[in-house]
Amino acid sequence: MRIPSRITALAVVFALVAAGGMYYLMSPNGKTITANFASGTALYPGNPVQMLGVDVGTVTEVTPSAHGVRVEMQIDEDTAVPARAHAAQVAPSLISGRYVTLTPAYRGGPQLADGAMIPRQRTQVPLDVNDLYRSANRLAKAFGPQGANENGALSRMLRVSAENLSGNGEKLATMIRRLAGATGTLSGSRQDLSGTVSKLSRFVGTLAANDGQVRALNGKLATVTGYLARDRQELGAALHELSIALGQVSTFVHENRAVLKSNVDKLSKVTKVLVKQRRALGAVMDEAPTGLSNLLGTYDAASGSLNVRATINELQSPPLTMVCLLARRGTPQQLPETLANACDKLAGDLDGVVRFPPTSEIISALQRGETPPVPGLVLPVDGEGGK
């Protein structure tokens, strides 16, 4: 019986499609990543590979190597893994199988390429039951009869601790609660605490940068402390006398409080006057040394007199003019401008009519016992020669 060609062709096409599907299903799909671990306990092909708790692949091969265990993983094609990713074995419990987790999650940047390897420096392995047993065994030996408790020290410590803690459970619980509250307070003030530590670090850094000066200061302080230590008896006596004096001052102030208050009030008034006259006082302080020096220079020790001569410029003016000048300069308050101008005008008019001699000549004539010069009347002259 001959099979129709159409059926043969359909059978061939179906076989090819089935073979392609089987090849697609059986062939690796995704990226291959290899990681070197220190050990591979409870890690087998088919165990999941996760990222952030989500399965992203499976373990395909676990092979011992000279430097640990080589684990090959198949990762989904659309899963991005950072180029500097870490791989860690995670054991959900002590006796269950493990899975591999990749960290951190991809947030941008270079990715781990197909066929890349994660070195042992970036892999972690959890403790297994045997490691826990070995650690517990070493701890038991360290605290056992052949270790810290060889002479019964640990037993005595436990017995004394039990006796001290007996009946103090409530107090111990209160202490723990307060300690927890203090820890919470510190946690709430962690920014301030961090700032304090940072500033303290800068302060210590400044001290370290000026180590020589700090050492010199410590040396000088040590020297001063030595002096004080040698003279401590004299210093103690001085402080004792000072305490007595301060007590007497306190008593005096208490007994004379009203008088002191009155004196302070009056002193305040005097101080205000000094403040108002500070310019004049400044001028006196500037000119007083020169004046005193000149005064010392005029003293005649032989005769016990001062060799001085008064030079008063106003005496060179007629009497009325002198009076006007003295009125301008000698009045306590400012002379009204109207009165000053009237005085100057009157003095000028009289000086043009009656020419008085200078005041100095009048005084000199009186000192000699002579009659002062009589002022003459000056009249206007009409024509030549005058009459």
Protein backbone atom coordinates (compact mmCIF):
# COMPACT_ATOMS: atom_id res chain seq x y z
CA MET A 1 0.00 0.00 0.00
CA ARG A 2 1.37 3.30 -1.04
CA ILE A 3 1.19 6.28 1.41
CA PRO A 4 0.02 9.48 -0.24
CA SER A 5 2.69 12.15 -0.63
CA ARG A 6 0.51 14.74 1.12
CA ILE A 7 0.39 12.68 4.32
CA THR A 8 4.13 12.11 4.12
CA ALA A 9 4.79 15.84 3.84
CA LEU A 10 2.53 16.61 6.80
CA ALA A 11 4.29 13.97 8.89
CA VAL A 12 7.70 15.43 8.06
CA VAL A 13 6.53 18.98 8.95
CA PHE A 14 5.05 17.76 12.22
CA ALA A 15 8.28 15.94 13.11
CA LEU A 16 10.33 19.06 12.42
CA VAL A 17 8.05 21.25 14.54
CA ALA A 18 8.16 18.73 17.38
CA ALA A 19 11.95 18.51 17.19
CA GLY A 20 12.26 22.31 17.19
CA GLY A 21 9.94 22.60 20.18
CA MET A 22 11.86 19.94 22.08
CA TYR A 23 15.13 21.69 21.26
CA TYR A 24 13.74 25.03 22.42
CA LEU A 25 12.46 23.52 25.64
CA MET A 26 15.60 21.53 26.35
CA SER A 27 18.12 24.21 25.32
CA PRO A 28 19.26 26.85 27.85
CA ASN A 29 17.13 29.98 27.76
CA GLY A 30 18.64 33.11 29.33
CA LYS A 31 22.03 34.23 30.64
CA THR A 32 24.56 31.95 32.28
CA ILE A 33 26.30 33.30 35.40
CA THR A 34 28.93 31.53 37.47
CA ALA A 35 29.72 32.21 41.14
CA ASN A 36 32.53 30.85 43.31
CA PHE A 37 31.45 29.97 46.88
CA ALA A 38 33.48 28.76 49.85
CA SER A 39 31.18 25.70 50.14
CA GLY A 40 28.06 24.26 48.54
CA THR A 41 26.30 22.41 51.36
CA ALA A 42 22.59 21.73 50.60
CA LEU A 43 22.90 23.50 47.23
CA TYR A 44 21.84 21.36 44.25
CA PRO A 45 20.98 21.81 40.57
CA GLY A 46 17.41 22.99 40.25
CA ASN A 47 17.50 25.14 43.40
CA PRO A 48 16.06 28.60 42.75
CA VAL A 49 17.97 31.82 42.14
CA GLN A 50 16.18 34.89 43.52
CA MET A 51 16.45 38.65 43.48
CA LEU A 52 14.44 40.64 46.05
CA GLY A 53 12.56 37.43 46.91
CA VAL A 54 11.45 36.77 43.30
CA ASP A 55 12.64 33.73 41.32
CA VAL A 56 14.75 34.89 38.36
CA GLY A 57 16.52 31.61 37.48
CA THR A 58 17.79 28.25 38.68
CA VAL A 59 21.04 26.56 39.66
CA THR A 60 22.18 24.39 36.76
CA GLU A 61 25.45 22.94 38.02
CA VAL A 62 27.43 22.66 41.29
CA THR A 63 31.07 21.67 40.78
CA PRO A 64 33.86 21.44 43.39
CA SER A 65 37.00 23.40 42.52
CA ALA A 66 40.45 24.03 43.96
CA HIS A 67 39.28 27.23 45.69
CA GLY A 68 35.77 26.25 46.77
CA VAL A 69 32.59 25.37 44.87
CA ARG A 70 31.75 26.60 41.39
CA VAL A 71 28.00 27.21 40.96
CA GLU A 72 26.56 27.80 37.52
CA MET A 73 23.19 29.56 37.29
CA GLN A 74 20.73 30.22 34.47
CA ILE A 75 19.12 33.68 34.73
CA ASP A 76 16.06 34.88 32.80
CA GLU A 77 16.99 36.84 29.71
CA ASP A 78 14.99 39.91 30.72
CA THR A 79 16.52 40.09 34.24
CA ALA A 80 19.13 42.84 34.60
CA VAL A 81 21.87 42.12 37.13
CA PRO A 82 24.39 44.83 38.21
CA ALA A 83 27.97 44.28 37.05
CA ARG A 84 29.19 44.43 40.69
CA ALA A 85 26.47 42.12 42.02
CA HIS A 86 26.96 39.90 45.08
CA ALA A 87 25.74 36.31 45.42
CA ALA A 88 24.77 34.74 48.74
CA GLN A 89 23.48 31.32 49.73
CA VAL A 90 20.36 31.52 51.92
CA ALA A 91 19.12 28.70 54.16
CA PRO A 92 15.44 29.12 55.13
CA SER A 93 16.06 26.67 57.99
CA LEU A 94 18.91 24.57 59.35
CA ILE A 95 17.99 21.37 57.52
CA SER A 96 16.31 22.59 54.32
CA GLY A 97 17.91 23.17 50.96
CA ARG A 98 19.42 26.50 50.07
CA TYR A 99 18.83 28.98 47.29
CA VAL A 100 21.03 31.72 45.81
CA THR A 101 20.07 35.38 46.05
CA LEU A 102 21.62 38.15 43.96
CA THR A 103 22.01 41.66 45.41
CA PRO A 104 21.56 44.53 44.95
CA ALA A 105 18.69 45.18 42.57
CA TYR A 106 19.60 46.78 39.25
CA ARG A 107 19.15 50.60 39.28
CA GLY A 108 21.07 51.52 36.17
CA GLY A 109 24.62 51.33 34.90
CA PRO A 110 26.65 48.35 33.62
CA GLN A 111 25.03 44.90 33.68
CA LEU A 112 26.42 41.44 34.32
CA ALA A 113 27.00 39.94 30.87
CA ASP A 114 26.26 36.39 29.75
CA GLY A 115 29.02 34.05 30.96
CA ALA A 116 30.25 36.48 33.65
CA MET A 117 31.72 35.20 36.91
CA ILE A 118 31.15 36.51 40.44
CA PRO A 119 34.41 36.08 42.41
CA ARG A 120 34.57 34.56 45.86
CA GLN A 121 35.22 38.02 47.37
CA ARG A 122 31.61 38.92 46.46
CA THR A 123 29.92 35.73 47.68
CA GLN A 124 28.67 34.73 51.14
CA VAL A 125 27.85 31.34 52.66
CA PRO A 126 25.74 30.90 55.85
CA LEU A 127 26.72 28.72 58.76
CA ASP A 128 25.50 25.15 58.55
CA VAL A 129 24.59 22.78 61.36
CA ASN A 130 28.12 21.38 61.55
CA ASP A 131 29.56 24.88 61.98
CA LEU A 132 27.11 25.54 64.81
CA TYR A 133 28.02 22.24 66.44
CA ARG A 134 31.73 23.00 66.20
CA SER A 135 31.22 26.50 67.67
CA ALA A 136 29.12 25.11 70.52
CA ASN A 137 31.75 22.44 71.19
CA ARG A 138 34.55 25.03 71.35
CA LEU A 139 32.45 27.20 73.68
CA ALA A 140 31.68 24.25 75.96
CA LYS A 141 35.35 23.30 76.15
CA ALA A 142 36.36 26.92 76.86
CA PHE A 143 33.94 27.13 79.82
CA GLY A 144 34.22 23.48 80.89
CA PRO A 145 36.34 21.72 83.53
CA GLN A 146 39.39 21.94 81.30
CA GLY A 147 38.87 25.63 80.54
CA ALA A 148 37.63 28.63 82.49
CA ASN A 149 35.91 26.40 85.09
CA GLU A 150 39.00 24.34 85.84
CA ASN A 151 39.10 25.63 89.44
CA GLY A 152 35.35 26.17 89.75
CA ALA A 153 35.51 29.92 88.99
CA LEU A 154 32.63 29.81 86.53
CA SER A 155 30.48 27.79 88.93
CA ARG A 156 31.14 30.28 91.73
CA MET A 157 30.31 33.19 89.40
CA LEU A 158 27.00 31.58 88.43
CA ARG A 159 26.16 30.82 92.06
CA VAL A 160 26.95 34.36 93.23
CA SER A 161 25.04 35.84 90.28
CA ALA A 162 22.01 33.70 91.12
CA GLU A 163 22.16 34.80 94.77
CA ASN A 164 22.46 38.48 93.83
CA LEU A 165 19.66 38.35 91.27
CA SER A 166 17.34 36.34 93.50
CA GLY A 167 14.33 38.52 94.40
CA ASN A 168 15.49 41.39 92.18
CA GLY A 169 13.63 40.39 89.05
CA GLU A 170 11.25 43.37 89.21
CA LYS A 171 14.11 45.83 89.74
CA LEU A 172 16.05 44.23 86.91
CA ALA A 173 13.01 44.50 84.62
CA THR A 174 12.59 48.19 85.60
CA MET A 175 16.24 48.80 84.82
CA ILE A 176 15.89 47.16 81.42
CA ARG A 177 12.78 49.23 80.62
CA ARG A 178 14.55 52.44 81.60
CA LEU A 179 17.56 51.41 79.59
CA ALA A 180 15.26 50.84 76.62
CA GLY A 181 13.76 54.32 77.17
CA ALA A 182 17.23 55.86 77.29
CA THR A 183 18.13 54.02 74.11
CA GLY A 184 14.96 55.37 72.47
CA THR A 185 15.88 58.90 73.58
CA LEU A 186 19.34 58.51 72.10
CA SER A 187 17.79 57.17 68.91
CA GLY A 188 15.49 60.20 68.69
CA SER A 189 18.47 62.51 69.19
CA ARG A 190 20.78 60.62 66.87
CA GLN A 191 21.20 63.64 64.57
CA ASP A 192 22.27 65.86 67.47
CA LEU A 193 24.48 63.08 68.79
CA SER A 194 26.00 62.61 65.35
CA GLY A 195 26.64 66.36 65.10
CA THR A 196 28.26 66.34 68.55
CA VAL A 197 30.50 63.42 67.59
CA SER A 198 31.40 65.15 64.32
CA LYS A 199 32.32 68.39 66.09
CA LEU A 200 34.24 66.43 68.70
CA SER A 201 36.10 64.71 65.88
CA ARG A 202 37.02 68.09 64.36
CA PHE A 203 38.13 69.32 67.79
CA VAL A 204 40.34 66.27 68.29
CA GLY A 205 41.70 66.77 64.77
CA THR A 206 42.57 70.38 65.61
CA LEU A 207 44.36 69.23 68.76
CA ALA A 208 46.25 66.62 66.75
CA ALA A 209 47.26 69.23 64.16
CA ASN A 210 48.58 71.48 66.95
CA ASP A 211 50.16 68.71 68.98
CA GLY A 212 53.36 70.68 69.60
CA GLN A 213 51.54 73.70 70.99
CA VAL A 214 49.29 71.49 73.12
CA ARG A 215 52.36 69.77 74.56
CA ALA A 216 53.96 73.16 75.28
CA LEU A 217 50.77 74.32 77.02
CA ASN A 218 50.66 71.15 79.10
CA GLY A 219 54.29 71.70 80.04
CA LYS A 220 53.61 75.27 81.17
CA LEU A 221 50.54 74.16 83.10
CA ALA A 222 52.65 71.49 84.79
CA THR A 223 55.22 74.15 85.72
CA VAL A 224 52.55 76.43 87.17
CA THR A 225 51.04 73.50 89.06
CA GLY A 226 54.47 72.73 90.48
CA TYR A 227 54.89 76.32 91.68
CA LEU A 228 51.46 76.24 93.30
CA ALA A 229 52.25 72.89 94.92
CA ARG A 230 55.51 74.24 96.41
CA ASP A 231 53.80 77.39 97.69
CA ARG A 232 50.56 75.73 98.73
CA GLN A 233 50.94 76.81 102.37
CA GLU A 234 51.44 80.48 101.45
CA LEU A 235 48.64 80.23 98.89
CA GLY A 236 46.33 78.68 101.47
CA ALA A 237 47.14 81.44 103.96
CA ALA A 238 46.51 84.12 101.32
CA LEU A 239 43.17 82.57 100.40
CA HIS A 240 42.26 82.39 104.10
CA GLU A 241 43.07 86.09 104.56
CA LEU A 242 41.16 86.90 101.38
CA SER A 243 38.11 85.04 102.67
CA ILE A 244 38.26 87.08 105.91
CA ALA A 245 38.59 90.33 103.94
CA LEU A 246 35.67 89.40 101.68
CA GLY A 247 33.59 88.64 104.76
CA GLN A 248 34.40 92.05 106.22
CA VAL A 249 33.57 93.72 102.90
CA SER A 250 30.26 91.87 102.81
CA THR A 251 29.45 93.02 106.36
CA PHE A 252 30.43 96.60 105.54
CA VAL A 253 28.26 96.64 102.43
CA HIS A 254 25.33 95.16 104.34
CA GLU A 255 25.60 97.71 107.18
CA ASN A 256 26.12 100.73 104.91
CA ARG A 257 23.81 99.81 102.08
CA ALA A 258 21.86 103.10 102.19
CA VAL A 259 25.00 105.26 102.35
CA LEU A 260 26.64 103.34 99.52
CA LYS A 261 23.52 103.69 97.41
CA SER A 262 23.47 107.45 98.02
CA ASN A 263 27.17 107.74 97.14
CA VAL A 264 26.70 105.71 93.99
CA ASP A 265 23.79 107.92 92.94
CA LYS A 266 25.86 111.06 93.53
CA LEU A 267 28.80 109.52 91.74
CA SER A 268 26.49 108.86 88.82
CA LYS A 269 25.69 112.58 88.63
CA VAL A 270 29.38 113.48 88.78
CA THR A 271 30.08 110.94 86.07
CA LYS A 272 27.40 112.48 83.85
CA VAL A 273 29.02 115.91 84.28
CA LEU A 274 32.42 114.45 83.39
CA VAL A 275 30.91 112.82 80.31
CA LYS A 276 29.41 116.13 79.19
CA GLN A 277 32.74 117.91 79.72
CA ARG A 278 34.88 115.14 78.26
CA ARG A 279 36.16 117.38 75.44
CA ALA A 280 37.26 120.08 77.89
CA LEU A 281 38.83 117.46 80.13
CA GLY A 282 40.60 116.01 77.13
CA ALA A 283 42.01 119.44 76.25
CA VAL A 284 43.15 119.93 79.86
CA MET A 285 44.83 116.52 79.87
CA ASP A 286 46.60 117.39 76.60
CA GLU A 287 47.77 120.87 77.71
CA ALA A 288 48.31 120.30 81.44
CA PRO A 289 51.71 118.55 81.10
CA THR A 290 53.09 121.42 79.01
CA GLY A 291 51.67 124.03 81.40
CA LEU A 292 53.10 122.31 84.47
CA SER A 293 56.47 121.98 82.76
CA ASN A 294 56.46 125.72 81.98
CA LEU A 295 55.42 126.50 85.57
CA LEU A 296 58.35 124.49 86.93
CA GLY A 297 60.65 126.39 84.56
CA THR A 298 59.52 129.78 85.94
CA TYR A 299 60.14 128.89 89.57
CA ASP A 300 63.17 130.69 91.08
CA ALA A 301 64.43 128.61 93.98
CA ALA A 302 66.75 131.35 95.24
CA SER A 303 64.02 133.95 95.70
CA GLY A 304 61.15 131.52 96.10
CA SER A 305 59.14 133.30 93.43
CA LEU A 306 57.74 132.70 89.97
CA ASN A 307 59.38 134.66 87.15
CA VAL A 308 56.29 135.20 85.02
CA ARG A 309 54.78 138.05 83.12
CA ALA A 310 51.15 138.24 82.16
CA THR A 311 50.57 138.99 78.49
CA ILE A 312 46.96 140.12 78.12
CA ASN A 313 46.30 141.20 74.57
CA GLU A 314 43.08 142.94 75.52
CA LEU A 315 45.05 145.56 77.54
CA GLN A 316 46.47 146.92 74.27
CA SER A 317 42.95 148.07 73.30
CA PRO A 318 41.07 151.15 74.55
CA PRO A 319 39.04 150.57 77.74
CA LEU A 320 35.62 150.33 76.07
CA THR A 321 36.92 147.99 73.36
CA MET A 322 38.55 145.88 76.08
CA VAL A 323 35.25 145.66 77.94
CA CYS A 324 33.50 144.46 74.76
CA LEU A 325 36.17 141.83 74.15
CA LEU A 326 36.02 140.60 77.74
CA ALA A 327 32.22 140.49 77.55
CA ARG A 328 32.43 138.35 74.44
CA ARG A 329 34.97 135.93 75.85
CA GLY A 330 34.37 135.91 79.55
CA THR A 331 30.61 135.47 79.94
CA PRO A 332 29.46 132.02 81.19
CA GLN A 333 26.79 131.89 78.52
CA GLN A 334 26.80 132.97 74.91
CA LEU A 335 26.50 136.79 74.65
CA PRO A 336 23.48 137.76 72.52
CA GLU A 337 24.63 138.73 69.06
CA THR A 338 22.60 141.98 69.11
CA LEU A 339 24.25 143.16 72.33
CA ALA A 340 27.69 142.19 71.07
CA ASN A 341 27.22 144.10 67.80
CA ALA A 342 25.91 147.18 69.69
CA CYS A 343 28.94 147.10 71.99
CA ASP A 344 31.35 146.85 69.04
CA LYS A 345 29.59 149.74 67.20
CA LEU A 346 29.63 151.98 70.29
CA ALA A 347 33.29 151.24 70.90
CA GLY A 348 34.12 152.09 67.29
CA ASP A 349 32.16 155.34 67.34
CA LEU A 350 33.74 156.51 70.61
CA ASP A 351 37.18 155.51 69.39
CA GLY A 352 36.64 157.72 66.36
CA VAL A 353 35.60 160.70 68.50
CA VAL A 354 37.56 160.31 71.75
CA ARG A 355 40.87 158.49 71.40
CA PHE A 356 41.58 156.78 74.70
CA PRO A 357 45.08 155.51 75.32
CA PRO A 358 45.51 151.75 75.66
CA THR A 359 44.47 150.31 78.98
CA SER A 360 48.03 149.15 79.60
CA GLU A 361 49.28 152.76 79.51
CA ILE A 362 46.63 153.85 82.01
CA ILE A 363 47.58 151.00 84.38
CA SER A 364 51.30 151.77 83.97
CA ALA A 365 50.73 155.46 84.79
CA LEU A 366 48.75 154.57 87.90
CA GLN A 367 51.53 152.19 89.01
CA ARG A 368 54.08 155.04 88.68
CA GLY A 369 51.85 157.40 90.66
CA GLU A 370 51.26 159.61 87.69
CA THR A 371 48.04 161.01 86.36
CA PRO A 372 46.69 158.89 83.54
CA PRO A 373 46.77 160.59 80.14
CA VAL A 374 43.59 162.60 79.60
CA PRO A 375 41.98 161.69 76.28
CA GLY A 376 41.67 164.56 73.82
CA LEU A 377 38.60 165.45 71.89
CA VAL A 378 39.01 164.96 68.19
CA LEU A 379 36.85 167.35 66.18
CA PRO A 380 36.44 167.41 62.42
CA VAL A 381 38.61 170.10 60.76
CA ASP A 382 37.15 172.34 57.96
CA GLY A 383 39.79 173.48 55.62
CA GLU A 384 43.48 173.47 56.00
CA GLY A 385 45.00 173.84 59.48
CA GLY A 386 41.76 173.33 61.40
CA LYS A 387 40.35 175.41 64.28
